[in-house]
Amino acid sequence: GLYAHRGPLSSLPDEQGWHPLDAYARATPEEPGEAPWGDDRPWHVAERHTTWQSWRTWLRERKEDLRAPCQAACPVGTNAGLYVSLIAEGRYDEALQIAAEPNPFPAICGRVCTAPCEDVCRRGEFDAPIAIRDLKRFASDHGRPLKRRLPPPTQTHTEQVAIVGARPTGLSAAYYLARRGYRVTIFDAMPVAGGMMAIGIPDYRLPRNELNRDIDAIAELGVTLRLNTAIGRDISLDELQQNFDP
């Protein structure tokens, strides 16, 4: 059969038959700006034809370097297999913690995510993929909100960061910066945060209380939201440059 391995080329076993697929080479950080094998060791995909027995032996030796396809397909690297297993054991609080730790929007993604994880779910090779997105929604609905609180950053920074736009990108940037110890303020001309998540997705598809749960969790990290504040009308670009670090 044809099997794939993602990892640094140096991690491949000393056997013939491995062929790097450079078209698939890419960095896949566990945390923003952090590559699993170091910044100078990019990930590669390689393939070979082999027997299942030899592949299984090699997997056992290198299992710490591998991630499930669902986790690798997730843009934020969510460990879907772990939170699905925790849900099966009735450990909903822990499942929510796993789903929320790398993802600023677990409640939102449990409802409107395109679910690339399900496209590569190995269960689909037998019958149907696991309903990973729906199970994330289940964890968000049944896990206690207090369990979403993340530990404080290991270090704090004096720099103050201004982000223009309280939309998915701006909120995500604020989430990761706050987790790294930066003081963040988001400016948005709209009266509500969320961008198209708030004004473009109908309420029956994404209830506003669920949207606000995720936004409130970001604010609890110390992020300041200044809504109804348009750049150039309510605050000038010069003021931003004076009050925030470049």
C-alpha atoms as a PDB file:
ATOM      1  CA  GLY A   1       0.000   0.000   0.000  1.00  0.00           C
ATOM      2  CA  LEU A   2       0.916   3.659  -0.182  1.00  0.00           C
ATOM      3  CA  TYR A   3       1.543   5.358   3.146  1.00  0.00           C
ATOM      4  CA  ALA A   4       2.493   8.931   3.968  1.00  0.00           C
ATOM      5  CA  HIS A   5       4.538  10.445   6.758  1.00  0.00           C
ATOM      6  CA  ARG A   6       4.783  14.133   7.610  1.00  0.00           C
ATOM      7  CA  GLY A   7       7.919  15.237   9.399  1.00  0.00           C
ATOM      8  CA  PRO A   8      11.466  16.492   8.874  1.00  0.00           C
ATOM      9  CA  LEU A   9      13.431  14.584   6.275  1.00  0.00           C
ATOM     10  CA  SER A  10      16.011  13.717   8.919  1.00  0.00           C
ATOM     11  CA  SER A  11      13.387  11.674  10.771  1.00  0.00           C
ATOM     12  CA  LEU A  12      12.893   9.189   7.936  1.00  0.00           C
ATOM     13  CA  PRO A  13      14.284   5.698   8.584  1.00  0.00           C
ATOM     14  CA  ASP A  14      17.473   4.582   6.863  1.00  0.00           C
ATOM     15  CA  GLU A  15      15.692   2.488   4.275  1.00  0.00           C
ATOM     16  CA  GLN A  16      15.320   2.722   0.535  1.00  0.00           C
ATOM     17  CA  GLY A  17      12.064   3.679  -1.081  1.00  0.00           C
ATOM     18  CA  TRP A  18      11.208   7.028   0.549  1.00  0.00           C
ATOM     19  CA  HIS A  19      10.437   9.846  -1.886  1.00  0.00           C
ATOM     20  CA  PRO A  20       9.990  13.420  -0.564  1.00  0.00           C
ATOM     21  CA  LEU A  21       7.008  15.197  -2.083  1.00  0.00           C
ATOM     22  CA  ASP A  22       8.260  18.780  -2.151  1.00  0.00           C
ATOM     23  CA  ALA A  23       4.927  20.081  -3.399  1.00  0.00           C
ATOM     24  CA  TYR A  24       3.477  19.284   0.011  1.00  0.00           C
ATOM     25  CA  ALA A  25       6.322  20.711   2.092  1.00  0.00           C
ATOM     26  CA  ARG A  26       4.937  23.181   4.613  1.00  0.00           C
ATOM     27  CA  ALA A  27       5.361  24.374   8.161  1.00  0.00           C
ATOM     28  CA  THR A  28       2.654  23.169  10.535  1.00  0.00           C
ATOM     29  CA  PRO A  29       3.050  24.997  13.872  1.00  0.00           C
ATOM     30  CA  GLU A  30       1.710  23.622  17.121  1.00  0.00           C
ATOM     31  CA  GLU A  31       1.523  27.210  18.366  1.00  0.00           C
ATOM     32  CA  PRO A  32       1.737  30.415  16.335  1.00  0.00           C
ATOM     33  CA  GLY A  33       5.329  30.798  15.200  1.00  0.00           C
ATOM     34  CA  GLU A  34       6.435  27.499  16.709  1.00  0.00           C
ATOM     35  CA  ALA A  35       7.337  24.535  14.499  1.00  0.00           C
ATOM     36  CA  PRO A  36       7.256  21.106  16.151  1.00  0.00           C
ATOM     37  CA  TRP A  37      10.872  20.346  15.229  1.00  0.00           C
ATOM     38  CA  GLY A  38      12.218  23.891  15.490  1.00  0.00           C
ATOM     39  CA  ASP A  39      11.980  26.884  13.199  1.00  0.00           C
ATOM     40  CA  ASP A  40      14.819  25.684  10.969  1.00  0.00           C
ATOM     41  CA  ARG A  41      13.379  22.220  10.332  1.00  0.00           C
ATOM     42  CA  PRO A  42      10.365  22.407   8.007  1.00  0.00           C
ATOM     43  CA  TRP A  43       7.902  19.590   7.635  1.00  0.00           C
ATOM     44  CA  HIS A  44       7.891  17.451   4.526  1.00  0.00           C
ATOM     45  CA  VAL A  45       5.686  14.712   3.211  1.00  0.00           C
ATOM     46  CA  ALA A  46       7.267  11.488   2.036  1.00  0.00           C
ATOM     47  CA  GLU A  47       5.828   8.273   0.688  1.00  0.00           C
ATOM     48  CA  ARG A  48       6.878   4.713   0.075  1.00  0.00           C
ATOM     49  CA  HIS A  49       5.421   1.357  -0.827  1.00  0.00           C
ATOM     50  CA  THR A  50       5.859  -1.079   2.014  1.00  0.00           C
ATOM     51  CA  THR A  51       4.225  -3.894   3.881  1.00  0.00           C
ATOM     52  CA  TRP A  52       1.870  -3.058   6.724  1.00  0.00           C
ATOM     53  CA  GLN A  53       4.014  -4.961   9.232  1.00  0.00           C
ATOM     54  CA  SER A  54       7.177  -2.933   8.587  1.00  0.00           C
ATOM     55  CA  TRP A  55       5.146   0.287   8.577  1.00  0.00           C
ATOM     56  CA  ARG A  56       3.558  -0.595  11.917  1.00  0.00           C
ATOM     57  CA  THR A  57       6.978  -1.314  13.439  1.00  0.00           C
ATOM     58  CA  TRP A  58       8.313   2.022  12.246  1.00  0.00           C
ATOM     59  CA  LEU A  59       5.220   3.836  13.528  1.00  0.00           C
ATOM     60  CA  ARG A  60       5.770   2.405  16.992  1.00  0.00           C
ATOM     61  CA  GLU A  61       9.303   3.809  16.994  1.00  0.00           C
ATOM     62  CA  ARG A  62       8.356   7.260  15.656  1.00  0.00           C
ATOM     63  CA  LYS A  63       4.848   7.748  17.045  1.00  0.00           C
ATOM     64  CA  GLU A  64       5.798  10.961  18.858  1.00  0.00           C
ATOM     65  CA  ASP A  65       6.466  12.611  15.473  1.00  0.00           C
ATOM     66  CA  LEU A  66       3.104  11.793  13.925  1.00  0.00           C
ATOM     67  CA  ARG A  67      -0.299  13.386  14.119  1.00  0.00           C
ATOM     68  CA  ALA A  68      -3.648  12.010  13.030  1.00  0.00           C
ATOM     69  CA  PRO A  69      -4.885  13.240   9.625  1.00  0.00           C
ATOM     70  CA  CYS A  70      -7.795  15.064  11.271  1.00  0.00           C
ATOM     71  CA  GLN A  71      -5.440  17.087  13.456  1.00  0.00           C
ATOM     72  CA  ALA A  72      -3.056  17.785  10.576  1.00  0.00           C
ATOM     73  CA  ALA A  73      -5.960  18.983   8.397  1.00  0.00           C
ATOM     74  CA  CYS A  74      -7.269  21.395  11.034  1.00  0.00           C
ATOM     75  CA  PRO A  75      -6.016  24.963  10.383  1.00  0.00           C
ATOM     76  CA  VAL A  76      -5.298  25.404  14.106  1.00  0.00           C
ATOM     77  CA  GLY A  77      -4.173  21.827  14.769  1.00  0.00           C
ATOM     78  CA  THR A  78      -6.992  20.847  17.127  1.00  0.00           C
ATOM     79  CA  ASN A  79      -6.523  17.395  18.634  1.00  0.00           C
ATOM     80  CA  ALA A  80      -9.922  16.163  17.490  1.00  0.00           C
ATOM     81  CA  GLY A  81      -9.231  12.538  18.333  1.00  0.00           C
ATOM     82  CA  LEU A  82      -8.586  13.429  21.959  1.00  0.00           C
ATOM     83  CA  TYR A  83     -11.714  15.494  22.538  1.00  0.00           C
ATOM     84  CA  VAL A  84     -13.850  12.913  20.721  1.00  0.00           C
ATOM     85  CA  SER A  85     -12.471  10.233  23.058  1.00  0.00           C
ATOM     86  CA  LEU A  86     -13.116  12.417  26.107  1.00  0.00           C
ATOM     87  CA  ILE A  87     -16.716  12.961  25.027  1.00  0.00           C
ATOM     88  CA  ALA A  88     -17.157   9.194  24.680  1.00  0.00           C
ATOM     89  CA  GLU A  89     -15.996   8.869  28.295  1.00  0.00           C
ATOM     90  CA  GLY A  90     -18.428  11.548  29.469  1.00  0.00           C
ATOM     91  CA  ARG A  91     -15.612  13.996  30.302  1.00  0.00           C
ATOM     92  CA  TYR A  92     -17.229  17.004  28.665  1.00  0.00           C
ATOM     93  CA  ASP A  93     -15.332  19.700  30.564  1.00  0.00           C
ATOM     94  CA  GLU A  94     -11.984  18.273  29.499  1.00  0.00           C
ATOM     95  CA  ALA A  95     -13.217  17.826  25.928  1.00  0.00           C
ATOM     96  CA  LEU A  96     -14.158  21.505  25.814  1.00  0.00           C
ATOM     97  CA  GLN A  97     -10.745  22.462  27.166  1.00  0.00           C
ATOM     98  CA  ILE A  98      -8.985  20.485  24.422  1.00  0.00           C
ATOM     99  CA  ALA A  99     -11.235  21.921  21.699  1.00  0.00           C
ATOM    100  CA  ALA A 100     -10.841  25.498  22.953  1.00  0.00           C
ATOM    101  CA  GLU A 101      -7.119  25.595  23.738  1.00  0.00           C
ATOM    102  CA  PRO A 102      -5.821  26.104  20.152  1.00  0.00           C
ATOM    103  CA  ASN A 103      -9.051  27.557  18.742  1.00  0.00           C
ATOM    104  CA  PRO A 104     -10.411  31.052  19.522  1.00  0.00           C
ATOM    105  CA  PHE A 105     -13.883  30.006  18.302  1.00  0.00           C
ATOM    106  CA  PRO A 106     -14.854  26.502  19.501  1.00  0.00           C
ATOM    107  CA  ALA A 107     -18.569  27.291  19.835  1.00  0.00           C
ATOM    108  CA  ILE A 108     -18.633  28.964  16.424  1.00  0.00           C
ATOM    109  CA  CYS A 109     -16.606  26.269  14.657  1.00  0.00           C
ATOM    110  CA  GLY A 110     -18.877  23.624  16.139  1.00  0.00           C
ATOM    111  CA  ARG A 111     -21.630  25.144  14.001  1.00  0.00           C
ATOM    112  CA  VAL A 112     -20.208  26.741  10.854  1.00  0.00           C
ATOM    113  CA  CYS A 113     -16.762  25.194  10.279  1.00  0.00           C
ATOM    114  CA  THR A 114     -16.224  23.539   6.881  1.00  0.00           C
ATOM    115  CA  ALA A 115     -14.753  20.557   8.798  1.00  0.00           C
ATOM    116  CA  PRO A 116     -11.657  19.656   6.740  1.00  0.00           C
ATOM    117  CA  CYS A 117     -10.906  17.162   9.518  1.00  0.00           C
ATOM    118  CA  GLU A 118     -13.874  15.052   8.460  1.00  0.00           C
ATOM    119  CA  ASP A 119     -12.664  14.953   4.851  1.00  0.00           C
ATOM    120  CA  VAL A 120      -9.569  13.014   5.939  1.00  0.00           C
ATOM    121  CA  CYS A 121     -11.065  11.078   8.855  1.00  0.00           C
ATOM    122  CA  ARG A 122      -9.807   7.498   8.666  1.00  0.00           C
ATOM    123  CA  ARG A 123     -13.168   6.183   9.808  1.00  0.00           C
ATOM    124  CA  GLY A 124     -14.459   7.288   6.417  1.00  0.00           C
ATOM    125  CA  GLU A 125     -12.385   4.522   4.835  1.00  0.00           C
ATOM    126  CA  PHE A 126     -14.681   1.991   6.522  1.00  0.00           C
ATOM    127  CA  ASP A 127     -18.135   3.609   6.543  1.00  0.00           C
ATOM    128  CA  ALA A 128     -18.543   7.318   7.348  1.00  0.00           C
ATOM    129  CA  PRO A 129     -16.312   9.960   8.951  1.00  0.00           C
ATOM    130  CA  ILE A 130     -16.787  10.727  12.622  1.00  0.00           C
ATOM    131  CA  ALA A 131     -18.993  13.803  13.087  1.00  0.00           C
ATOM    132  CA  ILE A 132     -16.087  15.817  14.487  1.00  0.00           C
ATOM    133  CA  ARG A 133     -17.683  19.240  14.013  1.00  0.00           C
ATOM    134  CA  ASP A 134     -20.941  18.211  15.677  1.00  0.00           C
ATOM    135  CA  LEU A 135     -19.011  16.701  18.571  1.00  0.00           C
ATOM    136  CA  LYS A 136     -17.127  19.969  19.021  1.00  0.00           C
ATOM    137  CA  ARG A 137     -20.502  21.671  19.247  1.00  0.00           C
ATOM    138  CA  PHE A 138     -21.580  19.058  21.797  1.00  0.00           C
ATOM    139  CA  ALA A 139     -18.475  19.752  23.895  1.00  0.00           C
ATOM    140  CA  SER A 140     -19.113  23.483  23.700  1.00  0.00           C
ATOM    141  CA  ASP A 141     -22.762  23.047  24.702  1.00  0.00           C
ATOM    142  CA  HIS A 142     -22.184  20.592  27.549  1.00  0.00           C
ATOM    143  CA  GLY A 143     -18.780  21.572  28.915  1.00  0.00           C
ATOM    144  CA  ARG A 144     -18.797  24.179  31.659  1.00  0.00           C
ATOM    145  CA  PRO A 145     -17.664  27.617  30.384  1.00  0.00           C
ATOM    146  CA  LEU A 146     -15.274  28.020  33.308  1.00  0.00           C
ATOM    147  CA  LYS A 147     -13.240  25.143  31.925  1.00  0.00           C
ATOM    148  CA  ARG A 148     -12.387  27.292  28.911  1.00  0.00           C
ATOM    149  CA  ARG A 149     -10.214  29.585  30.971  1.00  0.00           C
ATOM    150  CA  LEU A 150      -6.607  29.291  29.894  1.00  0.00           C
ATOM    151  CA  PRO A 151      -3.625  29.557  32.204  1.00  0.00           C
ATOM    152  CA  PRO A 152      -2.004  33.012  32.306  1.00  0.00           C
ATOM    153  CA  PRO A 153       0.911  33.605  29.927  1.00  0.00           C
ATOM    154  CA  THR A 154       4.315  32.564  31.200  1.00  0.00           C
ATOM    155  CA  GLN A 155       5.649  36.057  30.510  1.00  0.00           C
ATOM    156  CA  THR A 156       4.148  39.497  29.939  1.00  0.00           C
ATOM    157  CA  HIS A 157       5.255  42.232  27.573  1.00  0.00           C
ATOM    158  CA  THR A 158       5.089  45.993  27.931  1.00  0.00           C
ATOM    159  CA  GLU A 159       4.217  46.544  24.278  1.00  0.00           C
ATOM    160  CA  GLN A 160       0.652  47.592  23.528  1.00  0.00           C
ATOM    161  CA  VAL A 161      -0.850  46.270  20.305  1.00  0.00           C
ATOM    162  CA  ALA A 162      -3.678  47.907  18.344  1.00  0.00           C
ATOM    163  CA  ILE A 163      -5.758  45.792  15.968  1.00  0.00           C
ATOM    164  CA  VAL A 164      -8.150  47.415  13.514  1.00  0.00           C
ATOM    165  CA  GLY A 165     -11.199  45.238  12.943  1.00  0.00           C
ATOM    166  CA  ALA A 166     -12.983  42.933  15.408  1.00  0.00           C
ATOM    167  CA  ARG A 167     -13.578  40.329  12.746  1.00  0.00           C
ATOM    168  CA  PRO A 168     -12.405  36.710  12.717  1.00  0.00           C
ATOM    169  CA  THR A 169      -8.837  37.616  11.745  1.00  0.00           C
ATOM    170  CA  GLY A 170      -8.536  40.479  14.223  1.00  0.00           C
ATOM    171  CA  LEU A 171     -10.095  38.489  17.056  1.00  0.00           C
ATOM    172  CA  SER A 172      -7.822  35.527  16.319  1.00  0.00           C
ATOM    173  CA  ALA A 173      -4.734  37.742  16.314  1.00  0.00           C
ATOM    174  CA  ALA A 174      -5.822  39.248  19.627  1.00  0.00           C
ATOM    175  CA  TYR A 175      -6.372  35.778  21.104  1.00  0.00           C
ATOM    176  CA  TYR A 176      -2.896  34.524  20.254  1.00  0.00           C
ATOM    177  CA  LEU A 177      -1.166  37.791  21.196  1.00  0.00           C
ATOM    178  CA  ALA A 178      -2.939  37.919  24.561  1.00  0.00           C
ATOM    179  CA  ARG A 179      -1.940  34.329  25.252  1.00  0.00           C
ATOM    180  CA  ARG A 180       1.659  35.352  24.653  1.00  0.00           C
ATOM    181  CA  GLY A 181       1.396  38.160  27.183  1.00  0.00           C
ATOM    182  CA  TYR A 182       0.752  41.238  25.036  1.00  0.00           C
ATOM    183  CA  ARG A 183      -1.773  43.952  25.858  1.00  0.00           C
ATOM    184  CA  VAL A 184      -4.212  44.185  22.966  1.00  0.00           C
ATOM    185  CA  THR A 185      -6.913  46.685  22.002  1.00  0.00           C
ATOM    186  CA  ILE A 186      -9.251  46.051  19.060  1.00  0.00           C
ATOM    187  CA  PHE A 187     -10.976  48.924  17.253  1.00  0.00           C
ATOM    188  CA  ASP A 188     -14.048  48.402  15.093  1.00  0.00           C
ATOM    189  CA  ALA A 189     -16.523  50.806  13.521  1.00  0.00           C
ATOM    190  CA  MET A 190     -19.394  48.339  13.969  1.00  0.00           C
ATOM    191  CA  PRO A 191     -21.525  48.272  17.132  1.00  0.00           C
ATOM    192  CA  VAL A 192     -20.891  44.519  17.493  1.00  0.00           C
ATOM    193  CA  ALA A 193     -17.780  42.360  17.256  1.00  0.00           C
ATOM    194  CA  GLY A 194     -17.476  39.388  14.952  1.00  0.00           C
ATOM    195  CA  GLY A 195     -17.685  40.896  11.475  1.00  0.00           C
ATOM    196  CA  MET A 196     -19.554  38.662   9.037  1.00  0.00           C
ATOM    197  CA  MET A 197     -20.018  36.065  11.760  1.00  0.00           C
ATOM    198  CA  ALA A 198     -22.295  38.593  13.478  1.00  0.00           C
ATOM    199  CA  ILE A 199     -23.956  40.317  10.531  1.00  0.00           C
ATOM    200  CA  GLY A 200     -23.670  37.792   7.696  1.00  0.00           C
ATOM    201  CA  ILE A 201     -24.593  34.424   9.219  1.00  0.00           C
ATOM    202  CA  PRO A 202     -28.278  34.137  10.188  1.00  0.00           C
ATOM    203  CA  ASP A 203     -29.116  33.659  13.838  1.00  0.00           C
ATOM    204  CA  TYR A 204     -30.693  30.242  13.295  1.00  0.00           C
ATOM    205  CA  ARG A 205     -27.373  29.027  11.861  1.00  0.00           C
ATOM    206  CA  LEU A 206     -25.143  30.716  14.437  1.00  0.00           C
ATOM    207  CA  PRO A 207     -27.037  31.863  17.550  1.00  0.00           C
ATOM    208  CA  ARG A 208     -25.755  35.191  18.825  1.00  0.00           C
ATOM    209  CA  ASN A 209     -25.316  33.903  22.357  1.00  0.00           C
ATOM    210  CA  GLU A 210     -22.876  31.272  21.050  1.00  0.00           C
ATOM    211  CA  LEU A 211     -20.987  33.884  19.043  1.00  0.00           C
ATOM    212  CA  ASN A 212     -20.769  36.091  22.116  1.00  0.00           C
ATOM    213  CA  ARG A 213     -19.504  33.201  24.246  1.00  0.00           C
ATOM    214  CA  ASP A 214     -16.392  32.926  22.117  1.00  0.00           C
ATOM    215  CA  ILE A 215     -15.876  36.690  21.910  1.00  0.00           C
ATOM    216  CA  ASP A 216     -16.337  37.063  25.679  1.00  0.00           C
ATOM    217  CA  ALA A 217     -13.741  34.337  26.257  1.00  0.00           C
ATOM    218  CA  ILE A 218     -11.249  36.352  24.183  1.00  0.00           C
ATOM    219  CA  ALA A 219     -12.061  39.496  26.177  1.00  0.00           C
ATOM    220  CA  GLU A 220     -11.431  37.562  29.408  1.00  0.00           C
ATOM    221  CA  LEU A 221      -7.817  37.158  28.311  1.00  0.00           C
ATOM    222  CA  GLY A 222      -7.426  40.906  28.824  1.00  0.00           C
ATOM    223  CA  VAL A 223      -8.285  42.044  25.302  1.00  0.00           C
ATOM    224  CA  THR A 224     -10.029  45.439  25.146  1.00  0.00           C
ATOM    225  CA  LEU A 225     -12.788  45.936  22.564  1.00  0.00           C
ATOM    226  CA  ARG A 226     -13.526  49.474  21.393  1.00  0.00           C
ATOM    227  CA  LEU A 227     -16.621  49.264  19.210  1.00  0.00           C
ATOM    228  CA  ASN A 228     -18.344  52.125  17.372  1.00  0.00           C
ATOM    229  CA  THR A 229     -14.850  53.507  16.831  1.00  0.00           C
ATOM    230  CA  ALA A 230     -13.886  54.202  13.234  1.00  0.00           C
ATOM    231  CA  ILE A 231     -10.297  54.963  12.287  1.00  0.00           C
ATOM    232  CA  GLY A 232     -10.191  58.431  10.765  1.00  0.00           C
ATOM    233  CA  ARG A 233     -13.493  59.460  12.325  1.00  0.00           C
ATOM    234  CA  ASP A 234     -13.290  58.706  16.038  1.00  0.00           C
ATOM    235  CA  ILE A 235      -9.558  58.179  16.312  1.00  0.00           C
ATOM    236  CA  SER A 236      -6.803  59.137  13.918  1.00  0.00           C
ATOM    237  CA  LEU A 237      -3.986  56.997  12.629  1.00  0.00           C
ATOM    238  CA  ASP A 238      -1.538  59.405  14.277  1.00  0.00           C
ATOM    239  CA  GLU A 239      -3.172  58.752  17.657  1.00  0.00           C
ATOM    240  CA  LEU A 240      -2.809  55.016  17.156  1.00  0.00           C
ATOM    241  CA  GLN A 241       0.860  55.414  16.334  1.00  0.00           C
ATOM    242  CA  GLN A 242       1.395  57.595  19.407  1.00  0.00           C
ATOM    243  CA  ASN A 243      -0.473  55.387  21.870  1.00  0.00           C
ATOM    244  CA  PHE A 244       0.558  51.941  20.628  1.00  0.00           C
ATOM    245  CA  ASP A 245       3.860  50.326  19.809  1.00  0.00           C
ATOM    246  CA  PRO A 246       4.948  50.003  16.169  1.00  0.00           C
END
